[in-house]
């Protein structure tokens, strides 16, 4: 297989109602809200968007101004099984012609205030 051209689609991950709602929210996002994230995968350079592999795709950096955006991300996070010291993080992204994401492990780290 040519891994650079492979797209994996997993059906049935989301309940149909959430999947349909998510599609409707994303379809309403204006082009001006999408930011192009890109990097060449050079490990000697800082990864300003947190992605170390080569990539180019569209992302909504701040979903606060998107009607239904914050609620969608919260709903997706609630679908993840709870785990001690684990935090689910979802982002809105889109791939258009010529966009790509090189293989990566998709690990992310963020500081979370768990209270005292």
Foldseek 3Di string as FASTA:
>chain_A
DPVQPDDDDDPPPDDPVLVVVVVVQLVPDDPVQWDWQFDPLPPVDDRPVQANHGWIWIWRPDCPPGVCRVVSQVVVQVSDDDDPPDGDGDTDIDHDPPTGTPDDPPDDDDDDCPDD
